[in-house]
């Protein structure tokens, strides 16, 4: 998607979330997804390897190094 469309999709997701709707988001841009979510799950070969609040996942050094490209 173009950056403009991507921005629009993320804005819509933020609004839906603020309205109380639960959304399952599978997204390549993990940094951006973690900015608009409350909880996150990291899958490794189809198995949940880490879970927690989005802030905790984003701050976890092992996850940063292995999955978020530090």
N, C-alpha and C. Protein backbone atom coordinates (compact mmCIF):
# COMPACT_ATOMS: atom_id res chain seq x y z
N UNK A 1 0.84 -1.18 0.00
CA UNK A 1 0.00 0.00 0.00
C UNK A 1 0.89 1.24 0.00
N UNK A 2 0.33 2.30 -0.51
CA UNK A 2 1.06 3.56 -0.49
C UNK A 2 1.13 4.08 0.95
N UNK A 3 2.11 4.91 1.25
CA UNK A 3 2.21 5.47 2.60
C UNK A 3 0.95 6.22 3.04
N UNK A 4 0.30 6.90 2.12
CA UNK A 4 -0.92 7.64 2.46
C UNK A 4 -2.03 6.68 2.87
N UNK A 5 -2.22 5.63 2.11
CA UNK A 5 -3.26 4.64 2.44
C UNK A 5 -2.92 3.95 3.76
N UNK A 6 -1.66 3.62 3.95
CA UNK A 6 -1.23 2.99 5.21
C UNK A 6 -1.55 3.90 6.39
N UNK A 7 -1.26 5.19 6.26
CA UNK A 7 -1.59 6.15 7.33
C UNK A 7 -3.09 6.15 7.61
N UNK A 8 -3.90 6.11 6.57
CA UNK A 8 -5.35 6.12 6.73
C UNK A 8 -5.83 4.85 7.44
N UNK A 9 -5.27 3.72 7.08
CA UNK A 9 -5.65 2.45 7.72
C UNK A 9 -5.29 2.49 9.20
N UNK A 10 -4.09 2.94 9.53
CA UNK A 10 -3.69 3.00 10.93
C UNK A 10 -4.55 3.98 11.72
N UNK A 11 -4.92 5.09 11.13
CA UNK A 11 -5.81 6.04 11.81
C UNK A 11 -7.18 5.41 12.07
N UNK A 12 -7.69 4.69 11.09
CA UNK A 12 -8.98 4.00 11.27
C UNK A 12 -8.88 2.95 12.37
N UNK A 13 -7.79 2.20 12.42
CA UNK A 13 -7.60 1.20 13.46
C UNK A 13 -7.52 1.84 14.84
N UNK A 14 -6.83 2.97 14.95
CA UNK A 14 -6.75 3.67 16.23
C UNK A 14 -8.13 4.11 16.69
N UNK A 15 -8.95 4.60 15.78
CA UNK A 15 -10.30 5.04 16.13
C UNK A 15 -11.16 3.86 16.57
N UNK A 16 -11.10 2.78 15.83
CA UNK A 16 -11.87 1.60 16.20
C UNK A 16 -11.46 1.09 17.58
N UNK A 17 -10.18 1.10 17.85
CA UNK A 17 -9.68 0.66 19.14
C UNK A 17 -10.15 1.60 20.24
N UNK A 18 -10.11 2.89 19.99
CA UNK A 18 -10.56 3.87 20.97
C UNK A 18 -12.06 3.72 21.26
N UNK A 19 -12.79 3.25 20.26
CA UNK A 19 -14.23 3.02 20.42
C UNK A 19 -14.53 1.70 21.14
N UNK A 20 -13.49 0.95 21.50
CA UNK A 20 -13.67 -0.27 22.27
C UNK A 20 -13.71 -1.55 21.46
N UNK A 21 -13.50 -1.46 20.16
CA UNK A 21 -13.52 -2.65 19.32
C UNK A 21 -12.19 -3.38 19.40
N UNK A 22 -12.25 -4.68 19.54
CA UNK A 22 -11.04 -5.49 19.53
C UNK A 22 -10.72 -5.86 18.09
N UNK A 23 -9.46 -5.67 17.71
CA UNK A 23 -9.01 -5.95 16.35
C UNK A 23 -7.77 -6.83 16.43
N UNK A 24 -7.73 -7.87 15.63
CA UNK A 24 -6.52 -8.68 15.49
C UNK A 24 -5.76 -8.11 14.31
N UNK A 25 -4.57 -7.60 14.57
CA UNK A 25 -3.76 -6.96 13.54
C UNK A 25 -2.50 -7.79 13.32
N UNK A 26 -2.29 -8.23 12.11
CA UNK A 26 -1.06 -8.91 11.72
C UNK A 26 -0.36 -7.96 10.78
N UNK A 27 0.81 -7.47 11.20
CA UNK A 27 1.44 -6.37 10.47
C UNK A 27 2.94 -6.57 10.42
N UNK A 28 3.53 -6.31 9.26
CA UNK A 28 4.98 -6.38 9.09
C UNK A 28 5.70 -5.26 9.83
N UNK A 29 5.11 -4.09 9.85
CA UNK A 29 5.74 -2.95 10.51
C UNK A 29 5.45 -3.03 12.01
N UNK A 30 6.24 -3.83 12.70
CA UNK A 30 5.99 -4.09 14.12
C UNK A 30 6.07 -2.82 14.96
N UNK A 31 7.02 -1.95 14.67
CA UNK A 31 7.15 -0.71 15.44
C UNK A 31 5.85 0.10 15.38
N UNK A 32 5.32 0.24 14.21
CA UNK A 32 4.10 1.03 14.04
C UNK A 32 2.91 0.34 14.69
N UNK A 33 2.81 -0.96 14.54
CA UNK A 33 1.72 -1.70 15.14
C UNK A 33 1.76 -1.60 16.67
N UNK A 34 2.95 -1.68 17.24
CA UNK A 34 3.08 -1.59 18.70
C UNK A 34 2.68 -0.22 19.23
N UNK A 35 2.77 0.80 18.40
CA UNK A 35 2.38 2.16 18.81
C UNK A 35 0.87 2.30 19.00
N UNK A 36 0.08 1.47 18.33
CA UNK A 36 -1.38 1.66 18.39
C UNK A 36 -2.11 0.51 19.08
N UNK A 37 -1.35 -0.43 19.63
CA UNK A 37 -1.99 -1.58 20.26
C UNK A 37 -1.75 -1.58 21.77
N UNK A 38 -2.58 -2.35 22.46
CA UNK A 38 -2.42 -2.50 23.91
C UNK A 38 -1.66 -3.76 24.27
N UNK A 39 -1.89 -4.83 23.51
CA UNK A 39 -1.24 -6.12 23.77
C UNK A 39 -0.59 -6.60 22.48
N UNK A 40 0.43 -7.43 22.67
CA UNK A 40 1.13 -7.96 21.50
C UNK A 40 1.55 -9.40 21.75
N UNK A 41 1.62 -10.12 20.67
CA UNK A 41 2.06 -11.52 20.70
C UNK A 41 3.11 -11.68 19.61
N UNK A 42 4.21 -12.32 19.95
CA UNK A 42 5.26 -12.60 18.98
C UNK A 42 5.18 -14.08 18.63
N UNK A 43 5.05 -14.36 17.35
CA UNK A 43 5.00 -15.75 16.89
C UNK A 43 6.37 -16.15 16.35
N UNK A 44 6.79 -17.34 16.70
CA UNK A 44 8.01 -17.92 16.16
C UNK A 44 7.64 -19.28 15.60
N UNK A 45 7.64 -19.38 14.28
CA UNK A 45 7.24 -20.62 13.58
C UNK A 45 5.84 -21.05 13.97
N UNK A 46 4.95 -20.07 14.12
CA UNK A 46 3.55 -20.36 14.40
C UNK A 46 3.21 -20.59 15.86
N UNK A 47 4.19 -20.44 16.75
CA UNK A 47 3.98 -20.64 18.18
C UNK A 47 4.25 -19.32 18.90
N UNK A 48 3.38 -18.96 19.85
CA UNK A 48 3.58 -17.73 20.61
C UNK A 48 4.83 -17.87 21.46
N UNK A 49 5.82 -17.02 21.19
CA UNK A 49 7.07 -17.06 21.95
C UNK A 49 7.14 -15.96 23.01
N UNK A 50 6.40 -14.88 22.81
CA UNK A 50 6.35 -13.78 23.77
C UNK A 50 4.95 -13.17 23.72
N UNK A 51 4.49 -12.71 24.86
CA UNK A 51 3.22 -11.98 24.90
C UNK A 51 3.27 -11.00 26.06
N UNK A 52 2.50 -9.93 25.93
CA UNK A 52 2.43 -8.93 26.98
C UNK A 52 1.87 -7.64 26.46
N UNK A 53 2.02 -6.60 27.26
CA UNK A 53 1.57 -5.30 26.78
C UNK A 53 2.46 -4.89 25.62
N UNK A 54 1.94 -4.07 24.77
CA UNK A 54 2.73 -3.61 23.63
C UNK A 54 3.97 -2.86 24.10
N UNK A 55 3.83 -2.08 25.17
CA UNK A 55 4.97 -1.33 25.70
C UNK A 55 6.06 -2.29 26.19
N UNK A 56 5.65 -3.36 26.89
CA UNK A 56 6.63 -4.33 27.39
C UNK A 56 7.32 -5.05 26.23
N UNK A 57 6.55 -5.43 25.23
CA UNK A 57 7.13 -6.11 24.06
C UNK A 57 8.11 -5.17 23.35
N UNK A 58 7.73 -3.91 23.18
CA UNK A 58 8.58 -2.95 22.48
C UNK A 58 9.86 -2.63 23.23
N UNK A 59 9.85 -2.82 24.56
CA UNK A 59 11.01 -2.49 25.38
C UNK A 59 11.88 -3.70 25.72
N UNK A 60 11.45 -4.89 25.33
CA UNK A 60 12.17 -6.10 25.69
C UNK A 60 13.42 -6.24 24.81
N UNK A 61 14.63 -6.20 25.42
CA UNK A 61 15.86 -6.25 24.63
C UNK A 61 15.98 -7.49 23.73
N UNK A 62 15.54 -8.64 24.20
CA UNK A 62 15.63 -9.85 23.38
C UNK A 62 14.73 -9.75 22.16
N UNK A 63 13.54 -9.19 22.34
CA UNK A 63 12.62 -9.03 21.20
C UNK A 63 13.14 -7.98 20.24
N UNK A 64 13.66 -6.90 20.79
CA UNK A 64 14.22 -5.84 19.93
C UNK A 64 15.31 -6.42 19.05
N UNK A 65 16.22 -7.17 19.65
CA UNK A 65 17.35 -7.72 18.89
C UNK A 65 16.89 -8.77 17.88
N UNK A 66 15.99 -9.65 18.29
CA UNK A 66 15.60 -10.77 17.42
C UNK A 66 14.56 -10.42 16.38
N UNK A 67 13.62 -9.53 16.73
CA UNK A 67 12.47 -9.31 15.85
C UNK A 67 12.30 -7.88 15.35
N UNK A 68 12.80 -6.90 16.10
CA UNK A 68 12.52 -5.52 15.73
C UNK A 68 13.70 -4.81 15.08
N UNK A 69 14.79 -5.51 14.90
CA UNK A 69 15.91 -4.94 14.17
C UNK A 69 16.64 -3.82 14.87
N UNK A 70 17.23 -4.14 16.02
CA UNK A 70 18.01 -3.12 16.75
C UNK A 70 19.39 -3.00 16.15
